[in-house]
Amino acid sequence: MVTLDILKNLSSRYEQLTANFTKFVELVEAEVNKPSFLIKGIATSLHLDSNYFTASFIGRTVRYVFSAPLGDSGTLKGMVRCYLMPVFPATEAMELSSFTFTGNGQTNINDSTNNDPLNMTSDLDAIYLALTAIYEGLSK
């Protein structure tokens, strides 16, 4: 049975997950806009009020969409789905990848060198997650 406490906890959890997504977006945008960033030409566009942002590179645009579905345990989990936006003649976005994350930003994606979970609120992990989707979009 749904209670006010359950809804209150879900609301609080949603705010926490939204804050993590916002931090992820801010880290990615800050990194790609640094003069010292090695990859030139990545343009970001923020739409946080609509729970997404885009990154465009070499004629391709990837949209990173945040949602917070209810998990099996009855709590919300963060999710980011990455879509390649349509390039003519395509008319629909194509899902490239996705990842889930916890309230502390830990994702279900592991670092390839030490197999630790990436944290979307860490600058290097955030840019890695974003660049992976951009790279995937170039091959489609």
Protein backbone atom coordinates (compact mmCIF):
# COMPACT_ATOMS: atom_id res chain seq x y z
CA MET A 1 0.00 0.00 0.00
CA VAL A 2 1.27 3.46 -0.87
CA THR A 3 1.74 5.76 2.12
CA LEU A 4 2.70 9.39 2.47
CA ASP A 5 6.10 8.31 3.83
CA ILE A 6 6.78 6.20 0.75
CA LEU A 7 5.88 9.08 -1.57
CA LYS A 8 7.96 11.50 0.53
CA ASN A 9 10.97 9.15 0.30
CA LEU A 10 10.51 8.75 -3.45
CA SER A 11 10.37 12.53 -3.86
CA SER A 12 13.56 12.97 -1.85
CA ARG A 13 15.29 10.23 -3.83
CA TYR A 14 14.23 11.84 -7.12
CA GLU A 15 15.77 15.15 -6.02
CA GLN A 16 19.01 13.34 -5.14
CA LEU A 17 19.14 11.55 -8.51
CA THR A 18 18.31 14.76 -10.38
CA ALA A 19 21.16 16.52 -8.57
CA ASN A 20 23.53 13.76 -9.70
CA PHE A 21 22.42 14.11 -13.31
CA THR A 22 22.85 17.88 -13.11
CA LYS A 23 26.36 17.43 -11.70
CA PHE A 24 27.17 14.98 -14.52
CA VAL A 25 26.00 17.48 -17.13
CA GLU A 26 27.94 20.34 -15.54
CA LEU A 27 31.13 18.26 -15.39
CA VAL A 28 30.85 17.23 -19.05
CA GLU A 29 30.12 20.77 -20.20
CA ALA A 30 32.97 22.23 -18.15
CA GLU A 31 35.45 19.66 -19.43
CA VAL A 32 34.64 19.94 -23.16
CA ASN A 33 34.79 23.74 -22.92
CA LYS A 34 38.25 23.87 -21.34
CA PRO A 35 40.85 25.32 -23.71
CA SER A 36 43.15 22.48 -22.68
CA PHE A 37 40.64 19.73 -23.60
CA LEU A 38 42.27 17.61 -26.31
CA ILE A 39 39.14 16.96 -28.36
CA LYS A 40 38.02 20.12 -30.13
CA GLY A 41 34.58 20.74 -31.58
CA ILE A 42 32.21 19.16 -29.06
CA ALA A 43 29.24 21.48 -28.52
CA THR A 44 26.81 20.95 -25.66
CA SER A 45 23.27 22.20 -25.25
CA LEU A 46 21.61 21.98 -21.85
CA HIS A 47 17.91 21.29 -21.37
CA LEU A 48 17.88 20.38 -17.69
CA ASP A 49 14.28 21.55 -17.24
CA SER A 50 13.38 18.74 -19.68
CA ASN A 51 15.84 16.23 -18.16
CA TYR A 52 18.31 16.02 -21.03
CA PHE A 53 21.33 17.56 -22.67
CA THR A 54 22.95 17.08 -26.06
CA ALA A 55 26.51 16.85 -27.28
CA SER A 56 27.28 17.41 -30.95
CA PHE A 57 30.50 16.33 -32.65
CA ILE A 58 31.43 15.84 -36.31
CA GLY A 59 27.88 16.18 -37.56
CA ARG A 60 26.39 13.81 -35.00
CA THR A 61 24.28 14.73 -31.98
CA VAL A 62 23.83 12.52 -28.94
CA ARG A 63 21.00 13.23 -26.51
CA TYR A 64 21.51 12.10 -22.90
CA VAL A 65 18.09 11.64 -21.26
CA PHE A 66 17.61 11.29 -17.51
CA SER A 67 14.81 9.29 -15.93
CA ALA A 68 14.23 7.66 -12.56
CA PRO A 69 12.22 4.45 -12.87
CA LEU A 70 11.05 2.54 -9.84
CA GLY A 71 13.33 -0.44 -9.26
CA ASP A 72 12.47 -3.91 -8.02
CA SER A 73 13.37 -2.89 -4.48
CA GLY A 74 10.69 -0.19 -4.49
CA THR A 75 13.14 2.70 -4.72
CA LEU A 76 14.00 4.94 -7.64
CA LYS A 77 17.16 4.33 -9.62
CA GLY A 78 18.76 6.89 -11.87
CA MET A 79 18.98 6.10 -15.55
CA VAL A 80 20.62 7.88 -18.47
CA ARG A 81 19.75 6.74 -21.97
CA CYS A 82 21.90 7.97 -24.83
CA TYR A 83 20.28 8.48 -28.22
CA LEU A 84 21.76 9.35 -31.58
CA MET A 85 19.53 12.05 -32.98
CA PRO A 86 18.25 11.50 -36.52
CA VAL A 87 20.60 12.15 -39.40
CA PHE A 88 18.94 12.36 -42.80
CA PRO A 89 17.38 10.15 -44.11
CA ALA A 90 16.59 8.67 -40.67
CA THR A 91 13.56 10.13 -38.92
CA GLU A 92 13.82 8.60 -35.45
CA ALA A 93 16.43 8.70 -32.71
CA MET A 94 18.41 5.50 -32.15
CA GLU A 95 19.26 4.34 -28.63
CA LEU A 96 23.02 3.90 -28.38
CA SER A 97 23.53 2.93 -24.77
CA SER A 98 22.34 3.50 -21.24
CA PHE A 99 23.56 3.35 -17.70
CA THR A 100 21.97 3.35 -14.29
CA PHE A 101 23.23 5.10 -11.18
CA THR A 102 22.69 5.23 -7.45
CA GLY A 103 22.11 8.11 -5.08
CA ASN A 104 25.85 8.62 -4.69
CA GLY A 105 26.45 8.66 -8.47
CA GLN A 106 27.88 5.15 -8.78
CA THR A 107 27.00 3.68 -12.17
CA ASN A 108 26.60 0.14 -13.44
CA ILE A 109 29.52 0.75 -15.85
CA ASN A 110 32.92 -0.46 -14.69
CA ASP A 111 36.34 1.06 -15.30
CA SER A 112 38.21 -1.13 -17.79
CA THR A 113 41.51 -0.98 -15.90
CA ASN A 114 40.54 -1.81 -12.32
CA ASN A 115 36.92 -2.95 -12.79
CA ASP A 116 35.58 -0.43 -10.24
CA PRO A 117 32.19 1.17 -10.95
CA LEU A 118 32.41 4.59 -12.61
CA ASN A 119 30.93 7.52 -10.70
CA MET A 120 29.07 10.04 -12.83
CA THR A 121 29.83 12.83 -10.32
CA SER A 122 33.59 12.41 -10.83
CA ASP A 123 34.99 14.61 -13.60
CA LEU A 124 37.04 11.93 -15.37
CA ASP A 125 34.30 9.31 -15.09
CA ALA A 126 31.65 11.75 -16.33
CA ILE A 127 33.62 12.69 -19.44
CA TYR A 128 34.40 9.02 -20.12
CA LEU A 129 30.68 8.14 -19.98
CA ALA A 130 29.78 11.02 -22.30
CA LEU A 131 32.57 10.39 -24.82
CA THR A 132 31.72 6.69 -25.01
CA ALA A 133 28.23 7.52 -26.30
CA ILE A 134 29.61 10.10 -28.74
CA TYR A 135 32.05 7.52 -30.11
CA GLU A 136 29.27 4.92 -30.43
CA GLY A 137 27.20 7.46 -32.36
CA LEU A 138 29.96 7.97 -34.92
CA SER A 139 29.72 4.36 -36.05
CA LYS A 140 25.96 4.47 -36.73
